[in-house]
Protein backbone atom coordinates (compact mmCIF):
# COMPACT_ATOMS: atom_id res chain seq x y z
CA MET A 1 47.40 0.86 -28.93
CA VAL A 2 44.47 3.26 -28.71
CA ASP A 3 46.46 6.08 -30.33
CA SER A 4 47.27 4.05 -33.47
CA ILE A 5 43.64 2.96 -33.84
CA LEU A 6 42.50 6.54 -33.22
CA LEU A 7 44.86 7.82 -35.94
CA GLU A 8 43.34 5.32 -38.40
CA ALA A 9 39.85 6.48 -37.42
CA LEU A 10 40.86 10.12 -37.87
CA SER A 11 42.23 9.31 -41.32
CA GLU A 12 38.94 7.72 -42.32
CA VAL A 13 36.90 10.78 -41.34
CA PHE A 14 39.25 13.75 -41.75
CA LYS A 15 40.92 13.03 -45.11
CA PRO A 16 37.64 13.41 -47.08
CA LEU A 17 37.12 16.76 -45.29
CA GLY A 18 40.36 18.16 -46.74
CA PHE A 19 42.60 17.66 -43.70
CA ARG A 20 46.22 16.66 -44.22
CA LYS A 21 48.24 14.43 -41.91
CA LYS A 22 51.57 15.22 -40.29
CA SER A 23 52.76 12.70 -37.72
CA ALA A 24 49.92 12.42 -35.15
CA ASN A 25 48.17 15.58 -36.40
CA TRP A 26 45.42 16.37 -38.88
CA TYR A 27 45.33 19.98 -40.11
CA ARG A 28 43.87 22.30 -42.74
CA VAL A 29 43.24 25.92 -43.59
CA SER A 30 39.57 26.63 -44.27
CA GLY A 31 38.44 30.17 -44.94
CA ASP A 32 40.31 32.51 -42.60
CA LEU A 33 41.17 29.87 -40.00
CA TYR A 34 43.67 27.11 -39.52
CA CYS A 35 42.60 24.04 -37.53
CA VAL A 36 44.65 21.16 -36.19
CA VAL A 37 43.56 18.00 -34.38
CA SER A 38 46.43 16.40 -32.50
CA VAL A 39 46.70 13.02 -30.80
CA GLN A 40 48.95 13.11 -27.75
CA GLN A 41 50.07 10.01 -25.87
CA SER A 42 49.61 10.17 -22.13
CA SER A 43 52.62 9.82 -19.87
CA TRP A 44 50.48 7.55 -17.70
CA GLY A 45 50.09 4.32 -19.65
CA GLY A 46 48.39 3.55 -22.94
CA SER A 47 45.89 6.40 -22.85
CA CYS A 48 45.86 9.35 -25.20
CA TYR A 49 44.43 12.86 -25.49
CA VAL A 50 42.90 14.59 -28.47
CA ASN A 51 43.76 18.28 -28.68
CA ILE A 52 42.17 20.83 -31.00
CA GLY A 53 43.75 24.12 -32.02
CA PHE A 54 42.72 27.11 -34.11
CA ALA A 55 44.69 30.07 -35.40
CA PRO A 56 44.14 32.79 -38.00
CA ALA A 57 45.35 31.43 -41.34
CA VAL A 58 47.80 34.34 -41.67
CA LYS A 59 49.75 32.95 -38.67
CA VAL A 60 50.47 29.68 -40.48
CA ARG A 61 53.77 29.28 -42.30
CA ALA A 62 54.07 26.67 -45.08
CA GLY A 63 50.59 25.31 -44.27
CA TRP A 64 51.55 23.86 -40.86
CA LEU A 65 51.36 25.05 -37.25
CA PRO A 66 51.52 22.70 -34.26
CA GLU A 67 48.58 22.72 -31.86
CA SER A 68 50.81 24.10 -29.10
CA LYS A 69 51.32 27.31 -31.15
CA CYS A 70 47.62 27.90 -31.90
CA LEU A 71 45.87 30.91 -30.37
CA VAL A 72 42.84 28.83 -29.29
CA ARG A 73 43.41 25.37 -27.83
CA PHE A 74 41.33 22.82 -26.00
CA ARG A 75 41.04 19.11 -25.41
CA VAL A 76 38.26 17.08 -26.95
CA ASP A 77 36.66 16.63 -23.53
CA ALA A 78 35.72 20.33 -23.65
CA LEU A 79 33.30 19.61 -26.53
CA ALA A 80 29.72 19.14 -25.36
CA SER A 81 29.14 16.55 -28.10
CA ILE A 82 31.70 14.12 -26.65
CA SER A 83 30.14 11.74 -24.15
CA ARG A 84 31.78 10.22 -21.08
CA GLU A 85 31.70 6.88 -22.91
CA GLY A 86 33.59 8.46 -25.81
CA LEU A 87 36.26 9.84 -23.50
CA ASP A 88 36.60 6.45 -21.81
CA LEU A 89 37.55 4.95 -25.20
CA LEU A 90 40.76 7.02 -25.07
CA SER A 91 41.83 5.18 -21.93
CA GLY A 92 44.45 2.49 -22.39
CA GLU A 93 42.67 0.17 -19.95
CA VAL A 94 39.35 0.43 -21.80
CA ALA A 95 41.04 0.07 -25.19
CA GLU A 96 42.94 -3.07 -24.19
CA ALA A 97 39.74 -4.74 -23.04
CA ARG A 98 38.07 -4.24 -26.45
CA GLU A 99 38.39 -5.93 -29.82
CA GLU A 100 40.38 -3.70 -32.19
CA GLY A 101 37.61 -3.54 -34.82
CA ASP A 102 34.95 -2.68 -32.25
CA LEU A 103 37.19 -0.04 -30.69
CA ARG A 104 37.76 1.60 -34.08
CA VAL A 105 34.03 1.69 -34.88
CA ASP A 106 33.23 3.17 -31.46
CA LEU A 107 36.04 5.75 -31.75
CA VAL A 108 34.64 6.91 -35.09
CA GLU A 109 31.10 7.09 -33.73
CA ARG A 110 31.76 8.59 -30.29
CA VAL A 111 34.90 10.72 -30.75
CA VAL A 112 36.06 11.30 -34.31
CA SER A 113 32.71 12.04 -35.99
CA PRO A 114 31.51 14.42 -33.24
CA VAL A 115 34.84 16.30 -33.44
CA ALA A 116 34.57 16.49 -37.23
CA GLN A 117 30.97 17.74 -37.03
CA ALA A 118 31.95 20.41 -34.51
CA ILE A 119 34.94 21.80 -36.40
CA ASN A 120 34.26 21.11 -40.08
CA SER A 121 32.27 24.28 -40.75
CA ILE A 122 34.54 26.62 -38.74
CA GLU A 123 36.02 29.01 -41.31
CA SER A 124 36.08 32.41 -39.58
CA ILE A 125 36.58 34.05 -36.20
CA GLN A 126 32.79 34.47 -36.00
CA ASP A 127 32.27 30.73 -36.61
CA LEU A 128 34.85 29.92 -33.93
CA LYS A 129 33.21 32.38 -31.55
CA SER A 130 29.85 30.66 -32.07
CA LEU A 131 31.40 27.23 -31.47
CA LEU A 132 33.07 28.38 -28.26
CA HIS A 133 29.87 29.96 -26.91
CA ALA A 134 27.53 27.09 -27.87
CA SER A 135 29.49 23.83 -27.78
CA VAL A 136 32.69 24.16 -25.76
CA SER A 137 33.16 24.28 -22.00
CA ASP A 138 35.27 26.91 -20.25
CA GLN A 139 38.34 24.65 -20.39
CA VAL A 140 39.83 26.55 -23.32
CA PHE A 141 43.13 28.36 -23.72
CA ILE A 142 42.58 31.58 -25.65
CA HIS A 143 45.66 33.70 -26.32
CA SER A 144 45.35 37.35 -25.27
CA GLU A 145 45.87 38.42 -28.90
CA ILE A 146 42.46 37.05 -29.85
CA ARG A 147 40.63 36.81 -26.48
CA ASP A 148 38.56 40.03 -26.74
CA LYS A 149 37.20 39.11 -30.18
CA LEU A 150 36.16 35.63 -29.08
CA LEU A 151 34.75 36.40 -25.66
CA ALA A 152 32.56 39.33 -26.66
CA LYS A 153 28.83 38.55 -26.71
CA CYS A 154 27.59 37.07 -30.01
């Protein structure tokens, strides 16, 4: 249930920002970077995860690249702007105890909008480097191909 409501909330916020939808993913190329936000169902009940991926735009074929193929990947819980209460909304148990309309409003406010604010202006490796240093925890996968560029001091 929470994943379908989350996808509606993502549509509301991400479509006006130029993102396109493919299955449970929202993606776009902006500047030199490709970004994808992916909703993944948990194997453990009705919960879901929100994954974020970035790759140089030149790596993208036909405008699409799954999050699992991105050179930089992390879950939404790595973003400093996402509160514990926001993460709890992604839990199936919490979602089932809430009214659908209230859940959608809270998902927009506590998860979707903070994600959009964090990633909307990321258009270059330097922008991504700044985001990683300022707003993302160490729980990030960074492919060796791009690691040195991103981990060097700002």
